[in-house]
Amino acid sequence: MKKSFRNYLGAWIIIFLLFNLIWFISYSNILNGTQKLISFWIYYCIIIISFIGQLYCAYIAFKAENINKFFYSVSLINISYYGLILTVFISALCAFITSIPRWVGTIVCISVFAFTYISIIKAKTAVGVIGGIDRKIADETEFIRLLTSDAEHLIQLAETDKDKEICKKIYDAIRYSDPRSTPELDMINHSIRNSFDELYSAIRNGNSDITNLAYQTINLVEERNRKCRVLK
């Protein structure tokens, strides 16, 4: 994400410099009189603040740890971007049409600031809520995800065709089971983990009879699935 932000920063700098060039060239002919000069610099400072705010929102978005979090944070970039465009348009209009009272333009620009800021806060809050849900789901599915990975490795450890077939049944039972876990399932999850670990040790040590341990694990997984259906 850091590399992407550097690319974004490069584009932002180009646009920022281009804006300054156009701004000063376009308004060089209206800098006559103290009042016009004051208005010119007031609206210019407002636009600069909007530019900086937009860059900060982009920085927050690109700080995301992974692509999913960045996807959720794209709204921050979009909102700040449209807020910047609106601010530039209104400020340029008020600075160019000198008959517009300065206080009117200032109030309008402040209103745009407030609306943009509130929208960004809402978007950031939504990103936090979604991120919290994702973390919760990841925690709730961690047990089955790890157990599925271990069961897949178990197939590779099995030496005979019979053992591989049994291990494949265990893998399928775990793989297609309900991935979500709740505190009510902690006990049965613990039992499954213990039974699976016993089976894992038996296969690694080359014990001849693993059938009972295998079906014990499968039965526990099926029991867990029944409890999952009841808890829904």
Protein backbone atom coordinates (compact mmCIF):
# COMPACT_ATOMS: atom_id res chain seq x y z
CA MET A 1 0.00 0.00 0.00
CA LYS A 2 2.94 2.36 0.65
CA LYS A 3 4.02 2.14 -2.98
CA SER A 4 0.47 2.89 -4.12
CA PHE A 5 0.36 5.93 -1.85
CA ARG A 6 3.64 7.20 -3.28
CA ASN A 7 2.12 6.95 -6.76
CA TYR A 8 -0.99 8.73 -5.53
CA LEU A 9 1.15 11.42 -3.90
CA GLY A 10 2.98 11.98 -7.16
CA ALA A 11 -0.31 12.54 -9.00
CA TRP A 12 -1.56 14.76 -6.15
CA ILE A 13 1.54 16.98 -6.35
CA ILE A 14 1.13 17.39 -10.11
CA ILE A 15 -2.54 18.38 -9.72
CA PHE A 16 -1.65 20.71 -6.82
CA LEU A 17 1.04 22.50 -8.84
CA LEU A 18 -1.21 22.69 -11.87
CA PHE A 19 -3.96 24.24 -9.76
CA ASN A 20 -1.58 26.88 -8.40
CA LEU A 21 -0.38 27.72 -11.88
CA ILE A 22 -3.92 28.11 -13.25
CA TRP A 23 -5.11 29.97 -10.13
CA PHE A 24 -2.43 32.65 -10.17
CA ILE A 25 -2.49 33.11 -13.93
CA SER A 26 -6.30 33.28 -14.07
CA TYR A 27 -6.64 35.80 -11.26
CA SER A 28 -3.59 37.95 -11.96
CA ASN A 29 -5.85 40.45 -13.72
CA ILE A 30 -8.25 40.95 -10.79
CA LEU A 31 -5.71 41.68 -8.07
CA ASN A 32 -6.64 45.34 -8.05
CA GLY A 33 -7.64 46.85 -4.74
CA THR A 34 -7.24 45.68 -1.16
CA GLN A 35 -10.64 44.02 -0.92
CA LYS A 36 -10.10 41.91 -4.04
CA LEU A 37 -6.66 40.95 -2.85
CA ILE A 38 -7.96 39.88 0.56
CA SER A 39 -10.74 37.79 -1.03
CA PHE A 40 -8.25 36.21 -3.40
CA TRP A 41 -6.02 35.00 -0.56
CA ILE A 42 -8.92 33.92 1.68
CA TYR A 43 -10.37 31.64 -1.00
CA TYR A 44 -6.90 30.43 -1.94
CA CYS A 45 -6.20 29.39 1.67
CA ILE A 46 -9.57 27.61 1.82
CA ILE A 47 -8.68 25.59 -1.26
CA ILE A 48 -5.21 24.75 0.09
CA ILE A 49 -6.77 23.44 3.31
CA SER A 50 -9.10 21.27 1.19
CA PHE A 51 -6.13 19.91 -0.76
CA ILE A 52 -4.30 19.01 2.45
CA GLY A 53 -7.43 17.41 3.93
CA GLN A 54 -7.94 15.33 0.80
CA LEU A 55 -4.34 14.12 0.90
CA TYR A 56 -4.70 13.19 4.57
CA CYS A 57 -7.83 11.13 3.83
CA ALA A 58 -5.94 9.34 1.07
CA TYR A 59 -3.06 8.68 3.47
CA ILE A 60 -5.47 7.14 6.00
CA ALA A 61 -6.98 4.93 3.29
CA PHE A 62 -3.63 3.74 1.94
CA LYS A 63 -2.48 2.88 5.48
CA ALA A 64 -4.82 -0.13 5.30
CA GLU A 65 -3.11 -3.38 6.23
CA ASN A 66 -4.66 -5.39 3.40
CA ILE A 67 -6.65 -5.00 0.22
CA ASN A 68 -9.99 -5.60 1.96
CA LYS A 69 -9.46 -2.77 4.43
CA PHE A 70 -8.29 -0.50 1.62
CA PHE A 71 -11.44 -1.33 -0.36
CA TYR A 72 -13.57 -0.29 2.61
CA SER A 73 -11.55 2.95 2.97
CA VAL A 74 -11.88 4.04 -0.68
CA SER A 75 -14.98 6.01 0.32
CA LEU A 76 -12.73 8.36 2.32
CA ILE A 77 -10.80 9.20 -0.85
CA ASN A 78 -13.97 9.65 -2.91
CA ILE A 79 -15.74 11.91 -0.40
CA SER A 80 -12.69 14.12 0.19
CA TYR A 81 -12.07 14.28 -3.56
CA TYR A 82 -15.59 15.46 -4.39
CA GLY A 83 -15.43 17.88 -1.44
CA LEU A 84 -12.21 19.32 -2.87
CA ILE A 85 -13.72 19.76 -6.33
CA LEU A 86 -16.76 21.50 -4.87
CA THR A 87 -14.58 23.77 -2.73
CA VAL A 88 -12.39 24.73 -5.69
CA PHE A 89 -15.43 25.49 -7.83
CA ILE A 90 -17.19 27.62 -5.22
CA SER A 91 -14.04 29.44 -4.12
CA ALA A 92 -13.02 30.19 -7.71
CA LEU A 93 -16.53 31.42 -8.50
CA CYS A 94 -16.61 33.72 -5.47
CA ALA A 95 -13.10 35.03 -6.14
CA PHE A 96 -13.82 35.66 -9.83
CA ILE A 97 -17.23 37.27 -9.38
CA THR A 98 -16.15 40.10 -7.13
CA SER A 99 -19.72 41.31 -6.67
CA ILE A 100 -20.40 38.32 -4.39
CA PRO A 101 -19.92 39.46 -0.78
CA ARG A 102 -16.94 37.84 0.89
CA TRP A 103 -19.02 36.74 3.87
CA VAL A 104 -21.42 34.86 1.56
CA GLY A 105 -18.61 32.93 -0.10
CA THR A 106 -17.01 32.21 3.27
CA ILE A 107 -20.26 30.81 4.69
CA VAL A 108 -20.80 28.62 1.63
CA CYS A 109 -17.23 27.28 1.79
CA ILE A 110 -17.54 26.57 5.52
CA SER A 111 -20.81 24.72 4.81
CA VAL A 112 -19.02 22.57 2.22
CA PHE A 113 -16.26 21.91 4.75
CA ALA A 114 -18.78 20.87 7.39
CA PHE A 115 -20.72 18.60 5.04
CA THR A 116 -17.54 16.96 3.77
CA TYR A 117 -16.16 16.50 7.29
CA ILE A 118 -19.40 14.92 8.55
CA SER A 119 -19.51 12.59 5.54
CA ILE A 120 -15.90 11.54 6.13
CA ILE A 121 -16.58 10.86 9.82
CA LYS A 122 -19.59 8.71 8.88
CA ALA A 123 -17.56 6.82 6.27
CA LYS A 124 -14.69 6.28 8.72
CA THR A 125 -17.13 5.01 11.35
CA ALA A 126 -18.65 2.61 8.81
CA VAL A 127 -15.16 1.36 7.89
CA GLY A 128 -14.46 0.71 11.58
CA VAL A 129 -17.73 -1.19 12.03
CA ILE A 130 -17.16 -3.33 8.93
CA GLY A 131 -13.58 -3.99 9.98
CA GLY A 132 -14.80 -5.09 13.40
CA ILE A 133 -17.30 -7.46 11.80
CA ASP A 134 -14.56 -8.93 9.60
CA ARG A 135 -12.30 -9.47 12.62
CA LYS A 136 -15.15 -11.10 14.51
CA ILE A 137 -15.93 -13.45 11.61
CA ALA A 138 -12.23 -14.30 11.26
CA ASP A 139 -12.06 -15.16 14.96
CA GLU A 140 -15.26 -17.22 14.80
CA THR A 141 -14.06 -19.26 11.80
CA GLU A 142 -10.45 -19.67 12.92
CA PHE A 143 -11.01 -23.06 14.57
CA ILE A 144 -12.47 -24.75 11.47
CA ARG A 145 -10.01 -23.06 9.10
CA LEU A 146 -7.00 -24.31 11.07
CA LEU A 147 -8.53 -27.75 11.57
CA THR A 148 -9.24 -28.04 7.84
CA SER A 149 -5.62 -27.22 7.07
CA ASP A 150 -4.43 -29.85 9.56
CA ALA A 151 -6.84 -32.43 8.12
CA GLU A 152 -5.48 -31.78 4.62
CA HIS A 153 -1.96 -32.35 5.92
CA LEU A 154 -3.15 -35.53 7.60
CA ILE A 155 -3.98 -37.06 4.21
CA GLN A 156 -0.40 -36.51 3.11
CA LEU A 157 0.93 -38.22 6.25
CA ALA A 158 -1.16 -41.36 5.77
CA GLU A 159 0.91 -44.15 4.27
CA THR A 160 -1.65 -46.80 3.22
CA ASP A 161 -4.58 -46.36 0.88
CA LYS A 162 -6.95 -47.34 3.66
CA ASP A 163 -5.58 -44.68 5.98
CA LYS A 164 -5.68 -42.08 3.21
CA GLU A 165 -9.33 -42.91 2.53
CA ILE A 166 -10.23 -42.51 6.19
CA CYS A 167 -8.29 -39.25 6.42
CA LYS A 168 -10.10 -38.00 3.33
CA LYS A 169 -13.42 -38.65 5.06
CA ILE A 170 -12.25 -36.64 8.06
CA TYR A 171 -11.10 -33.85 5.79
CA ASP A 172 -14.45 -33.71 3.98
CA ALA A 173 -16.38 -33.80 7.26
CA ILE A 174 -14.41 -30.84 8.63
CA ARG A 175 -14.24 -28.96 5.35
CA TYR A 176 -18.01 -28.95 4.81
CA SER A 177 -18.94 -28.31 8.43
CA ASP A 178 -20.30 -24.97 9.65
CA PRO A 179 -17.28 -22.62 9.91
CA ARG A 180 -18.76 -20.31 12.55
CA SER A 181 -18.06 -20.96 16.21
CA THR A 182 -19.76 -19.56 19.29
CA PRO A 183 -18.96 -19.83 23.01
CA GLU A 184 -21.58 -22.58 23.25
CA LEU A 185 -19.44 -24.71 20.94
CA ASP A 186 -16.21 -24.33 22.92
CA MET A 187 -16.59 -27.69 24.68
CA ILE A 188 -17.30 -29.71 21.54
CA ASN A 189 -14.53 -27.86 19.68
CA HIS A 190 -12.13 -28.82 22.44
CA SER A 191 -13.21 -32.47 22.19
CA ILE A 192 -12.75 -32.43 18.40
CA ARG A 193 -9.30 -30.93 18.75
CA ASN A 194 -8.23 -33.56 21.29
CA SER A 195 -9.60 -36.43 19.21
CA PHE A 196 -7.96 -35.08 16.07
CA ASP A 197 -4.61 -34.66 17.84
CA GLU A 198 -4.77 -38.28 19.02
CA LEU A 199 -5.45 -39.40 15.47
CA TYR A 200 -2.65 -37.19 14.17
CA SER A 201 -0.18 -38.76 16.61
CA ALA A 202 -1.37 -42.27 15.74
CA ILE A 203 -0.74 -41.72 12.03
CA ARG A 204 2.64 -40.09 12.58
CA ASN A 205 3.73 -42.99 14.82
CA GLY A 206 2.50 -45.56 12.30
CA ASN A 207 -0.11 -47.18 14.54
CA SER A 208 -2.01 -49.83 12.62
CA ASP A 209 -5.50 -49.22 14.00
CA ILE A 210 -6.62 -45.65 13.45
CA THR A 211 -10.18 -46.44 12.38
CA ASN A 212 -11.74 -45.94 15.82
CA LEU A 213 -10.00 -42.62 16.36
CA ALA A 214 -10.97 -41.49 12.86
CA TYR A 215 -14.66 -42.23 13.25
CA GLN A 216 -14.62 -40.78 16.75
CA THR A 217 -13.44 -37.50 15.23
CA ILE A 218 -16.03 -37.67 12.45
CA ASN A 219 -18.82 -38.32 14.96
CA LEU A 220 -17.73 -35.32 17.04
CA VAL A 221 -17.73 -33.11 13.95
CA GLU A 222 -21.23 -34.28 13.06
CA GLU A 223 -22.35 -33.61 16.62
CA ARG A 224 -20.94 -30.10 16.33
CA ASN A 225 -22.85 -29.57 13.08
CA ARG A 226 -26.09 -30.60 14.78
CA LYS A 227 -25.46 -28.13 17.58
CA CYS A 228 -24.71 -25.42 15.03
CA ARG A 229 -28.09 -25.98 13.40
CA VAL A 230 -29.84 -25.80 16.77
CA LEU A 231 -28.07 -22.56 17.72
CA LYS A 232 -29.04 -20.77 14.51
